[in-house]
Amino acid sequence: MDTKISHITPANGNIFLDLGFSAGEAATLKAHSRAIIEMKLLLVEAMDDWIRENQLKQAEAAAILGVSRPRISDMVNRKIGKFTLDSLLMMLAKTNRSAHLSIR
């Protein structure tokens, strides 16, 4: 099997534009993606703070949150692509914390 890359198409910085969306749609989709990433990072940071504040081991945090220990590992290692906003919000709720949405 040949594993050499034979062609690379340069990206222009917006994957949605590269996929053929109009400039306006691409900008909107990119902004939406960034917003979701930022929200996930804030939630993961809040969960990590909770784990540290309570001096919990990953297994203890997993038991409280009702998830596996590897899920906690993914969370503290900022693997946000493995989580939906819903799953992070559900875990946050189990810590007796809440999130507030602010629209600017």
PDB file of N, CA and C in Angstrom:
ATOM      1  N   MET A   1       0.843  -1.170   0.000  1.00  0.00           N
ATOM      2  CA  MET A   1       0.000   0.000   0.000  1.00  0.00           C
ATOM      3  C   MET A   1       0.895   1.242   0.000  1.00  0.00           C
ATOM      4  N   ASP A   2       0.563   2.182  -0.859  1.00  0.00           N
ATOM      5  CA  ASP A   2       1.304   3.441  -0.947  1.00  0.00           C
ATOM      6  C   ASP A   2       0.736   4.415   0.076  1.00  0.00           C
ATOM      7  N   THR A   3       1.559   4.852   1.019  1.00  0.00           N
ATOM      8  CA  THR A   3       1.078   5.765   2.063  1.00  0.00           C
ATOM      9  C   THR A   3       1.547   7.189   1.854  1.00  0.00           C
ATOM     10  N   LYS A   4       2.171   7.461   0.720  1.00  0.00           N
ATOM     11  CA  LYS A   4       2.639   8.813   0.444  1.00  0.00           C
ATOM     12  C   LYS A   4       1.478   9.697   0.013  1.00  0.00           C
ATOM     13  N   ILE A   5       1.520  10.941   0.453  1.00  0.00           N
ATOM     14  CA  ILE A   5       0.504  11.912   0.050  1.00  0.00           C
ATOM     15  C   ILE A   5       0.864  12.405  -1.343  1.00  0.00           C
ATOM     16  N   SER A   6      -0.086  12.287  -2.269  1.00  0.00           N
ATOM     17  CA  SER A   6       0.208  12.680  -3.643  1.00  0.00           C
ATOM     18  C   SER A   6      -0.276  14.085  -3.977  1.00  0.00           C
ATOM     19  N   HIS A   7      -1.200  14.604  -3.187  1.00  0.00           N
ATOM     20  CA  HIS A   7      -1.726  15.942  -3.469  1.00  0.00           C
ATOM     21  C   HIS A   7      -2.237  16.578  -2.177  1.00  0.00           C
ATOM     22  N   ILE A   8      -1.917  17.832  -1.982  1.00  0.00           N
ATOM     23  CA  ILE A   8      -2.421  18.585  -0.834  1.00  0.00           C
ATOM     24  C   ILE A   8      -3.088  19.841  -1.365  1.00  0.00           C
ATOM     25  N   THR A   9      -4.340  20.034  -0.967  1.00  0.00           N
ATOM     26  CA  THR A   9      -5.052  21.248  -1.346  1.00  0.00           C
ATOM     27  C   THR A   9      -4.909  22.243  -0.211  1.00  0.00           C
ATOM     28  N   PRO A  10      -4.315  23.404  -0.481  1.00  0.00           N
ATOM     29  CA  PRO A  10      -4.148  24.388   0.598  1.00  0.00           C
ATOM     30  C   PRO A  10      -5.494  24.922   1.088  1.00  0.00           C
ATOM     31  N   ALA A  11      -5.592  25.094   2.377  1.00  0.00           N
ATOM     32  CA  ALA A  11      -6.812  25.647   2.978  1.00  0.00           C
ATOM     33  C   ALA A  11      -6.686  27.158   3.051  1.00  0.00           C
ATOM     34  N   ASN A  12      -7.838  27.816   3.065  1.00  0.00           N
ATOM     35  CA  ASN A  12      -7.798  29.279   3.113  1.00  0.00           C
ATOM     36  C   ASN A  12      -8.129  29.826   4.493  1.00  0.00           C
ATOM     37  N   GLY A  13      -8.296  28.953   5.484  1.00  0.00           N
ATOM     38  CA  GLY A  13      -8.591  29.416   6.831  1.00  0.00           C
ATOM     39  C   GLY A  13     -10.041  29.255   7.233  1.00  0.00           C
ATOM     40  N   ASN A  14     -10.903  28.911   6.294  1.00  0.00           N
ATOM     41  CA  ASN A  14     -12.307  28.679   6.622  1.00  0.00           C
ATOM     42  C   ASN A  14     -12.747  27.413   5.908  1.00  0.00           C
ATOM     43  N   ILE A  15     -12.867  26.328   6.648  1.00  0.00           N
ATOM     44  CA  ILE A  15     -13.225  25.034   6.070  1.00  0.00           C
ATOM     45  C   ILE A  15     -14.562  25.090   5.348  1.00  0.00           C
ATOM     46  N   PHE A  16     -15.473  25.922   5.835  1.00  0.00           N
ATOM     47  CA  PHE A  16     -16.791  26.011   5.218  1.00  0.00           C
ATOM     48  C   PHE A  16     -16.709  26.654   3.837  1.00  0.00           C
ATOM     49  N   LEU A  17     -15.834  27.608   3.681  1.00  0.00           N
ATOM     50  CA  LEU A  17     -15.592  28.216   2.373  1.00  0.00           C
ATOM     51  C   LEU A  17     -14.955  27.184   1.445  1.00  0.00           C
ATOM     52  N   ASP A  18     -14.015  26.412   1.996  1.00  0.00           N
ATOM     53  CA  ASP A  18     -13.366  25.354   1.215  1.00  0.00           C
ATOM     54  C   ASP A  18     -14.368  24.292   0.766  1.00  0.00           C
ATOM     55  N   LEU A  19     -15.423  24.090   1.554  1.00  0.00           N
ATOM     56  CA  LEU A  19     -16.440  23.092   1.213  1.00  0.00           C
ATOM     57  C   LEU A  19     -17.469  23.612   0.219  1.00  0.00           C
ATOM     58  N   GLY A  20     -17.349  24.878  -0.160  1.00  0.00           N
ATOM     59  CA  GLY A  20     -18.228  25.405  -1.197  1.00  0.00           C
ATOM     60  C   GLY A  20     -19.362  26.286  -0.727  1.00  0.00           C
ATOM     61  N   PHE A  21     -19.424  26.593   0.560  1.00  0.00           N
ATOM     62  CA  PHE A  21     -20.455  27.506   1.047  1.00  0.00           C
ATOM     63  C   PHE A  21     -20.135  28.917   0.566  1.00  0.00           C
ATOM     64  N   SER A  22     -21.166  29.729   0.425  1.00  0.00           N
ATOM     65  CA  SER A  22     -20.935  31.122   0.043  1.00  0.00           C
ATOM     66  C   SER A  22     -20.146  31.807   1.155  1.00  0.00           C
ATOM     67  N   ALA A  23     -19.539  32.938   0.835  1.00  0.00           N
ATOM     68  CA  ALA A  23     -18.721  33.650   1.823  1.00  0.00           C
ATOM     69  C   ALA A  23     -19.535  34.006   3.061  1.00  0.00           C
ATOM     70  N   GLY A  24     -20.760  34.453   2.873  1.00  0.00           N
ATOM     71  CA  GLY A  24     -21.616  34.810   4.006  1.00  0.00           C
ATOM     72  C   GLY A  24     -21.967  33.614   4.869  1.00  0.00           C
ATOM     73  N   GLU A  25     -22.372  32.518   4.213  1.00  0.00           N
ATOM     74  CA  GLU A  25     -22.704  31.297   4.955  1.00  0.00           C
ATOM     75  C   GLU A  25     -21.473  30.752   5.676  1.00  0.00           C
ATOM     76  N   ALA A  26     -20.339  30.773   4.994  1.00  0.00           N
ATOM     77  CA  ALA A  26     -19.102  30.255   5.585  1.00  0.00           C
ATOM     78  C   ALA A  26     -18.715  31.045   6.827  1.00  0.00           C
ATOM     79  N   ALA A  27     -18.850  32.361   6.764  1.00  0.00           N
ATOM     80  CA  ALA A  27     -18.516  33.199   7.923  1.00  0.00           C
ATOM     81  C   ALA A  27     -19.452  32.910   9.087  1.00  0.00           C
ATOM     82  N   THR A  28     -20.736  32.745   8.795  1.00  0.00           N
ATOM     83  CA  THR A  28     -21.716  32.439   9.841  1.00  0.00           C
ATOM     84  C   THR A  28     -21.430  31.080  10.474  1.00  0.00           C
ATOM     85  N   LEU A  29     -21.176  30.081   9.653  1.00  0.00           N
ATOM     86  CA  LEU A  29     -20.894  28.741  10.165  1.00  0.00           C
ATOM     87  C   LEU A  29     -19.606  28.713  10.988  1.00  0.00           C
ATOM     88  N   LYS A  30     -18.590  29.441  10.536  1.00  0.00           N
ATOM     89  CA  LYS A  30     -17.330  29.488  11.281  1.00  0.00           C
ATOM     90  C   LYS A  30     -17.534  30.160  12.636  1.00  0.00           C
ATOM     91  N   ALA A  31     -18.295  31.253  12.664  1.00  0.00           N
ATOM     92  CA  ALA A  31     -18.573  31.944  13.929  1.00  0.00           C
ATOM     93  C   ALA A  31     -19.358  31.036  14.873  1.00  0.00           C
ATOM     94  N   HIS A  32     -20.325  30.304  14.330  1.00  0.00           N
ATOM     95  CA  HIS A  32     -21.123  29.374  15.144  1.00  0.00           C
ATOM     96  C   HIS A  32     -20.232  28.278  15.727  1.00  0.00           C
ATOM     97  N   SER A  33     -19.337  27.748  14.917  1.00  0.00           N
ATOM     98  CA  SER A  33     -18.416  26.705  15.387  1.00  0.00           C
ATOM     99  C   SER A  33     -17.515  27.222  16.498  1.00  0.00           C
ATOM    100  N   ARG A  34     -17.000  28.426  16.317  1.00  0.00           N
ATOM    101  CA  ARG A  34     -16.143  29.019  17.355  1.00  0.00           C
ATOM    102  C   ARG A  34     -16.911  29.206  18.660  1.00  0.00           C
ATOM    103  N   ALA A  35     -18.165  29.643  18.556  1.00  0.00           N
ATOM    104  CA  ALA A  35     -18.979  29.855  19.758  1.00  0.00           C
ATOM    105  C   ALA A  35     -19.190  28.543  20.504  1.00  0.00           C
ATOM    106  N   ILE A  36     -19.464  27.481  19.783  1.00  0.00           N
ATOM    107  CA  ILE A  36     -19.663  26.173  20.417  1.00  0.00           C
ATOM    108  C   ILE A  36     -18.372  25.714  21.093  1.00  0.00           C
ATOM    109  N   ILE A  37     -17.254  25.882  20.419  1.00  0.00           N
ATOM    110  CA  ILE A  37     -15.966  25.491  20.997  1.00  0.00           C
ATOM    111  C   ILE A  37     -15.698  26.280  22.273  1.00  0.00           C
ATOM    112  N   GLU A  38     -15.949  27.572  22.245  1.00  0.00           N
ATOM    113  CA  GLU A  38     -15.728  28.408  23.430  1.00  0.00           C
ATOM    114  C   GLU A  38     -16.625  27.981  24.588  1.00  0.00           C
ATOM    115  N   MET A  39     -17.896  27.660  24.290  1.00  0.00           N
ATOM    116  CA  MET A  39     -18.808  27.211  25.347  1.00  0.00           C
ATOM    117  C   MET A  39     -18.332  25.896  25.949  1.00  0.00           C
ATOM    118  N   LYS A  40     -17.923  24.964  25.091  1.00  0.00           N
ATOM    119  CA  LYS A  40     -17.434  23.678  25.585  1.00  0.00           C
ATOM    120  C   LYS A  40     -16.202  23.865  26.467  1.00  0.00           C
ATOM    121  N   LEU A  41     -15.290  24.731  26.038  1.00  0.00           N
ATOM    122  CA  LEU A  41     -14.086  24.969  26.838  1.00  0.00           C
ATOM    123  C   LEU A  41     -14.423  25.562  28.201  1.00  0.00           C
ATOM    124  N   LEU A  42     -15.365  26.500  28.236  1.00  0.00           N
ATOM    125  CA  LEU A  42     -15.776  27.084  29.519  1.00  0.00           C
ATOM    126  C   LEU A  42     -16.372  26.026  30.439  1.00  0.00           C
ATOM    127  N   LEU A  43     -17.199  25.151  29.893  1.00  0.00           N
ATOM    128  CA  LEU A  43     -17.818  24.099  30.699  1.00  0.00           C
ATOM    129  C   LEU A  43     -16.774  23.103  31.200  1.00  0.00           C
ATOM    130  N   VAL A  44     -15.854  22.711  30.343  1.00  0.00           N
ATOM    131  CA  VAL A  44     -14.800  21.775  30.739  1.00  0.00           C
ATOM    132  C   VAL A  44     -13.916  22.396  31.820  1.00  0.00           C
ATOM    133  N   GLU A  45     -13.600  23.667  31.670  1.00  0.00           N
ATOM    134  CA  GLU A  45     -12.791  24.348  32.689  1.00  0.00           C
ATOM    135  C   GLU A  45     -13.531  24.403  34.024  1.00  0.00           C
ATOM    136  N   ALA A  46     -14.835  24.647  33.988  1.00  0.00           N
ATOM    137  CA  ALA A  46     -15.627  24.673  35.221  1.00  0.00           C
ATOM    138  C   ALA A  46     -15.630  23.300  35.886  1.00  0.00           C
ATOM    139  N   MET A  47     -15.740  22.250  35.084  1.00  0.00           N
ATOM    140  CA  MET A  47     -15.738  20.897  35.641  1.00  0.00           C
ATOM    141  C   MET A  47     -14.363  20.558  36.219  1.00  0.00           C
ATOM    142  N   ASP A  48     -13.322  20.954  35.529  1.00  0.00           N
ATOM    143  CA  ASP A  48     -11.963  20.718  36.022  1.00  0.00           C
ATOM    144  C   ASP A  48     -11.739  21.464  37.337  1.00  0.00           C
ATOM    145  N   ASP A  49     -12.221  22.700  37.424  1.00  0.00           N
ATOM    146  CA  ASP A  49     -12.122  23.468  38.673  1.00  0.00           C
ATOM    147  C   ASP A  49     -12.840  22.740  39.807  1.00  0.00           C
ATOM    148  N   TRP A  50     -14.030  22.216  39.521  1.00  0.00           N
ATOM    149  CA  TRP A  50     -14.816  21.495  40.527  1.00  0.00           C
ATOM    150  C   TRP A  50     -14.047  20.274  41.039  1.00  0.00           C
ATOM    151  N   ILE A  51     -13.435  19.537  40.118  1.00  0.00           N
ATOM    152  CA  ILE A  51     -12.660  18.352  40.506  1.00  0.00           C
ATOM    153  C   ILE A  51     -11.495  18.755  41.412  1.00  0.00           C
ATOM    154  N   ARG A  52     -10.800  19.812  41.046  1.00  0.00           N
ATOM    155  CA  ARG A  52      -9.649  20.271  41.843  1.00  0.00           C
ATOM    156  C   ARG A  52     -10.089  20.827  43.200  1.00  0.00           C
ATOM    157  N   GLU A  53     -11.148  21.654  43.192  1.00  0.00           N
ATOM    158  CA  GLU A  53     -11.632  22.256  44.441  1.00  0.00           C
ATOM    159  C   GLU A  53     -12.045  21.194  45.451  1.00  0.00           C
ATOM    160  N   ASN A  54     -12.605  20.099  44.951  1.00  0.00           N
ATOM    161  CA  ASN A  54     -13.063  19.027  45.827  1.00  0.00           C
ATOM    162  C   ASN A  54     -12.020  17.930  46.003  1.00  0.00           C
ATOM    163  N   GLN A  55     -10.845  18.142  45.438  1.00  0.00           N
ATOM    164  CA  GLN A  55      -9.726  17.207  45.542  1.00  0.00           C
ATOM    165  C   GLN A  55     -10.150  15.778  45.206  1.00  0.00           C
ATOM    166  N   LEU A  56     -10.864  15.660  44.093  1.00  0.00           N
ATOM    167  CA  LEU A  56     -11.373  14.359  43.672  1.00  0.00           C
ATOM    168  C   LEU A  56     -10.399  13.670  42.731  1.00  0.00           C
ATOM    169  N   LYS A  57     -10.344  12.372  42.856  1.00  0.00           N
ATOM    170  CA  LYS A  57      -9.634  11.572  41.862  1.00  0.00           C
ATOM    171  C   LYS A  57     -10.601  11.392  40.693  1.00  0.00           C
ATOM    172  N   GLN A  58     -10.057  11.073  39.530  1.00  0.00           N
ATOM    173  CA  GLN A  58     -10.914  10.930  38.358  1.00  0.00           C
ATOM    174  C   GLN A  58     -12.005   9.883  38.572  1.00  0.00           C
ATOM    175  N   ALA A  59     -11.672   8.787  39.223  1.00  0.00           N
ATOM    176  CA  ALA A  59     -12.665   7.734  39.467  1.00  0.00           C
ATOM    177  C   ALA A  59     -13.788   8.242  40.375  1.00  0.00           C
ATOM    178  N   GLU A  60     -13.437   9.052  41.365  1.00  0.00           N
ATOM    179  CA  GLU A  60     -14.454   9.612  42.266  1.00  0.00           C
ATOM    180  C   GLU A  60     -15.358  10.591  41.516  1.00  0.00           C
ATOM    181  N   ALA A  61     -14.757  11.436  40.702  1.00  0.00           N
ATOM    182  CA  ALA A  61     -15.545  12.386  39.912  1.00  0.00           C
ATOM    183  C   ALA A  61     -16.465  11.636  38.959  1.00  0.00           C
ATOM    184  N   ALA A  62     -15.951  10.578  38.353  1.00  0.00           N
ATOM    185  CA  ALA A  62     -16.751   9.781  37.422  1.00  0.00           C
ATOM    186  C   ALA A  62     -17.969   9.181  38.116  1.00  0.00           C
ATOM    187  N   ALA A  63     -17.776   8.664  39.322  1.00  0.00           N
ATOM    188  CA  ALA A  63     -18.890   8.066  40.064  1.00  0.00           C
ATOM    189  C   ALA A  63     -19.955   9.110  40.386  1.00  0.00           C
ATOM    190  N   ILE A  64     -19.540  10.286  40.800  1.00  0.00           N
ATOM    191  CA  ILE A  64     -20.489  11.354  41.134  1.00  0.00           C
ATOM    192  C   ILE A  64     -21.241  11.816  39.892  1.00  0.00           C
ATOM    193  N   LEU A  65     -20.528  11.921  38.781  1.00  0.00           N
ATOM    194  CA  LEU A  65     -21.125  12.446  37.553  1.00  0.00           C
ATOM    195  C   LEU A  65     -21.831  11.387  36.718  1.00  0.00           C
ATOM    196  N   GLY A  66     -21.664  10.120  37.089  1.00  0.00           N
ATOM    197  CA  GLY A  66     -22.342   9.049  36.366  1.00  0.00           C
ATOM    198  C   GLY A  66     -21.744   8.766  34.995  1.00  0.00           C
ATOM    199  N   VAL A  67     -20.425   8.932  34.894  1.00  0.00           N
ATOM    200  CA  VAL A  67     -19.728   8.646  33.641  1.00  0.00           C
ATOM    201  C   VAL A  67     -18.530   7.760  33.950  1.00  0.00           C
ATOM    202  N   SER A  68     -17.866   7.294  32.910  1.00  0.00           N
ATOM    203  CA  SER A  68     -16.686   6.454  33.118  1.00  0.00           C
ATOM    204  C   SER A  68     -15.467   7.314  33.459  1.00  0.00           C
ATOM    205  N   ARG A  69     -14.469   6.692  34.070  1.00  0.00           N
ATOM    206  CA  ARG A  69     -13.242   7.407  34.379  1.00  0.00           C
ATOM    207  C   ARG A  69     -12.547   7.918  33.119  1.00  0.00           C
ATOM    208  N   PRO A  70     -12.536   7.133  32.021  1.00  0.00           N
ATOM    209  CA  PRO A  70     -11.939   7.671  30.797  1.00  0.00           C
ATOM    210  C   PRO A  70     -12.646   8.930  30.268  1.00  0.00           C
ATOM    211  N   ARG A  71     -13.953   9.050  30.538  1.00  0.00           N
ATOM    212  CA  ARG A  71     -14.670  10.275  30.130  1.00  0.00           C
ATOM    213  C   ARG A  71     -14.132  11.476  30.903  1.00  0.00           C
ATOM    214  N   ILE A  72     -13.847  11.276  32.181  1.00  0.00           N
ATOM    215  CA  ILE A  72     -13.278  12.360  32.987  1.00  0.00           C
ATOM    216  C   ILE A  72     -11.892  12.706  32.464  1.00  0.00           C
ATOM    217  N   SER A  73     -11.119  11.697  32.114  1.00  0.00           N
ATOM    218  CA  SER A  73      -9.792  11.930  31.555  1.00  0.00           C
ATOM    219  C   SER A  73      -9.887  12.756  30.273  1.00  0.00           C
ATOM    220  N   ASP A  74     -10.825  12.398  29.404  1.00  0.00           N
ATOM    221  CA  ASP A  74     -11.019  13.171  28.171  1.00  0.00           C
ATOM    222  C   ASP A  74     -11.379  14.616  28.489  1.00  0.00           C
ATOM    223  N   MET A  75     -12.194  14.791  29.509  1.00  0.00           N
ATOM    224  CA  MET A  75     -12.637  16.132  29.874  1.00  0.00           C
ATOM    225  C   MET A  75     -11.471  16.971  30.402  1.00  0.00           C
ATOM    226  N   VAL A  76     -10.707  16.439  31.341  1.00  0.00           N
ATOM    227  CA  VAL A  76      -9.618  17.230  31.917  1.00  0.00           C
ATOM    228  C   VAL A  76      -8.482  17.446  30.916  1.00  0.00           C
ATOM    229  N   ASN A  77      -8.420  16.612  29.896  1.00  0.00           N
ATOM    230  CA  ASN A  77      -7.423  16.783  28.838  1.00  0.00           C
ATOM    231  C   ASN A  77      -7.964  17.601  27.668  1.00  0.00           C
ATOM    232  N   ARG A  78      -9.116  18.226  27.884  1.00  0.00           N
ATOM    233  CA  ARG A  78      -9.710  19.177  26.929  1.00  0.00           C
ATOM    234  C   ARG A  78     -10.023  18.559  25.570  1.00  0.00           C
ATOM    235  N   LYS A  79     -10.423  17.299  25.556  1.00  0.00           N
ATOM    236  CA  LYS A  79     -10.823  16.654  24.301  1.00  0.00           C
ATOM    237  C   LYS A  79     -12.297  16.968  24.053  1.00  0.00           C
ATOM    238  N   ILE A  80     -12.567  18.246  23.786  1.00  0.00           N
ATOM    239  CA  ILE A  80     -13.946  18.724  23.728  1.00  0.00           C
ATOM    240  C   ILE A  80     -14.736  18.161  22.556  1.00  0.00           C
ATOM    241  N   GLY A  81     -14.055  17.676  21.542  1.00  0.00           N
ATOM    242  CA  GLY A  81     -14.750  17.079  20.404  1.00  0.00           C
ATOM    243  C   GLY A  81     -15.506  15.817  20.779  1.00  0.00           C
ATOM    244  N   LYS A  82     -15.169  15.233  21.913  1.00  0.00           N
ATOM    245  CA  LYS A  82     -15.824  14.005  22.367  1.00  0.00           C
ATOM    246  C   LYS A  82     -17.092  14.281  23.175  1.00  0.00           C
ATOM    247  N   PHE A  83     -17.421  15.566  23.378  1.00  0.00           N
ATOM    248  CA  PHE A  83     -18.555  15.928  24.223  1.00  0.00           C
ATOM    249  C   PHE A  83     -19.533  16.827  23.480  1.00  0.00           C
ATOM    250  N   THR A  84     -20.809  16.632  23.770  1.00  0.00           N
ATOM    251  CA  THR A  84     -21.821  17.573  23.299  1.00  0.00           C
ATOM    252  C   THR A  84     -22.019  18.618  24.392  1.00  0.00           C
ATOM    253  N   LEU A  85     -22.582  19.739  24.007  1.00  0.00           N
ATOM    254  CA  LEU A  85     -22.916  20.748  25.017  1.00  0.00           C
ATOM    255  C   LEU A  85     -23.868  20.159  26.048  1.00  0.00           C
ATOM    256  N   ASP A  86     -24.840  19.374  25.579  1.00  0.00           N
ATOM    257  CA  ASP A  86     -25.810  18.761  26.495  1.00  0.00           C
ATOM    258  C   ASP A  86     -25.137  17.891  27.545  1.00  0.00           C
ATOM    259  N   SER A  87     -24.184  17.057  27.118  1.00  0.00           N
ATOM    260  CA  SER A  87     -23.541  16.157  28.087  1.00  0.00           C
ATOM    261  C   SER A  87     -22.734  16.950  29.110  1.00  0.00           C
ATOM    262  N   LEU A  88     -22.072  18.003  28.670  1.00  0.00           N
ATOM    263  CA  LEU A  88     -21.310  18.829  29.607  1.00  0.00           C
ATOM    264  C   LEU A  88     -22.234  19.570  30.569  1.00  0.00           C
ATOM    265  N   LEU A  89     -23.358  20.062  30.071  1.00  0.00           N
ATOM    266  CA  LEU A  89     -24.317  20.755  30.941  1.00  0.00           C
ATOM    267  C   LEU A  89     -24.934  19.797  31.956  1.00  0.00           C
ATOM    268  N   MET A  90     -25.190  18.558  31.544  1.00  0.00           N
ATOM    269  CA  MET A  90     -25.744  17.562  32.472  1.00  0.00           C
ATOM    270  C   MET A  90     -24.736  17.249  33.582  1.00  0.00           C
ATOM    271  N   MET A  91     -23.475  17.116  33.219  1.00  0.00           N
ATOM    272  CA  MET A  91     -22.455  16.864  34.241  1.00  0.00           C
ATOM    273  C   MET A  91     -22.325  18.063  35.171  1.00  0.00           C
ATOM    274  N   LEU A  92     -22.349  19.256  34.616  1.00  0.00           N
ATOM    275  CA  LEU A  92     -22.257  20.465  35.433  1.00  0.00           C
ATOM    276  C   LEU A  92     -23.405  20.523  36.439  1.00  0.00           C
ATOM    277  N   ALA A  93     -24.598  20.164  36.006  1.00  0.00           N
ATOM    278  CA  ALA A  93     -25.768  20.184  36.892  1.00  0.00           C
ATOM    279  C   ALA A  93     -25.581  19.231  38.073  1.00  0.00           C
ATOM    280  N   LYS A  94     -24.886  18.128  37.860  1.00  0.00           N
ATOM    281  CA  LYS A  94     -24.652  17.164  38.939  1.00  0.00           C
ATOM    282  C   LYS A  94     -23.669  17.686  39.979  1.00  0.00           C
ATOM    283  N   THR A  95     -23.026  18.812  39.693  1.00  0.00           N
ATOM    284  CA  THR A  95     -22.107  19.429  40.655  1.00  0.00           C
ATOM    285  C   THR A  95     -22.791  20.564  41.416  1.00  0.00           C
ATOM    286  N   ASN A  96     -24.095  20.703  41.205  1.00  0.00           N
ATOM    287  CA  ASN A  96     -24.893  21.780  41.804  1.00  0.00           C
ATOM    288  C   ASN A  96     -24.466  23.158  41.310  1.00  0.00           C
ATOM    289  N   ARG A  97     -23.932  23.200  40.118  1.00  0.00           N
ATOM    290  CA  ARG A  97     -23.603  24.462  39.461  1.00  0.00           C
ATOM    291  C   ARG A  97     -24.520  24.608  38.259  1.00  0.00           C
ATOM    292  N   SER A  98     -24.610  25.816  37.756  1.00  0.00           N
ATOM    293  CA  SER A  98     -25.427  26.036  36.569  1.00  0.00           C
ATOM    294  C   SER A  98     -24.697  26.963  35.612  1.00  0.00           C
ATOM    295  N   ALA A  99     -25.139  26.957  34.382  1.00  0.00           N
ATOM    296  CA  ALA A  99     -24.563  27.828  33.357  1.00  0.00           C
ATOM    297  C   ALA A  99     -25.613  28.862  32.977  1.00  0.00           C
ATOM    298  N   HIS A 100     -25.156  30.039  32.635  1.00  0.00           N
ATOM    299  CA  HIS A 100     -26.057  31.110  32.214  1.00  0.00           C
ATOM    300  C   HIS A 100     -25.634  31.591  30.838  1.00  0.00           C
ATOM    301  N   LEU A 101     -26.601  31.694  29.951  1.00  0.00           N
ATOM    302  CA  LEU A 101     -26.340  32.149  28.593  1.00  0.00           C
ATOM    303  C   LEU A 101     -26.484  33.654  28.532  1.00  0.00           C
ATOM    304  N   SER A 102     -25.516  34.297  27.931  1.00  0.00           N
ATOM    305  CA  SER A 102     -25.558  35.748  27.765  1.00  0.00           C
ATOM    306  C   SER A 102     -25.513  36.057  26.280  1.00  0.00           C
ATOM    307  N   ILE A 103     -26.449  36.847  25.826  1.00  0.00           N
ATOM    308  CA  ILE A 103     -26.495  37.214  24.414  1.00  0.00           C
ATOM    309  C   ILE A 103     -26.075  38.659  24.283  1.00  0.00           C
ATOM    310  N   ARG A 104     -25.102  38.905  23.421  1.00  0.00           N
ATOM    311  CA  ARG A 104     -24.583  40.264  23.235  1.00  0.00           C
ATOM    312  C   ARG A 104     -24.947  40.788  21.882  1.00  0.00           C
TER     313      ARG A 104
END
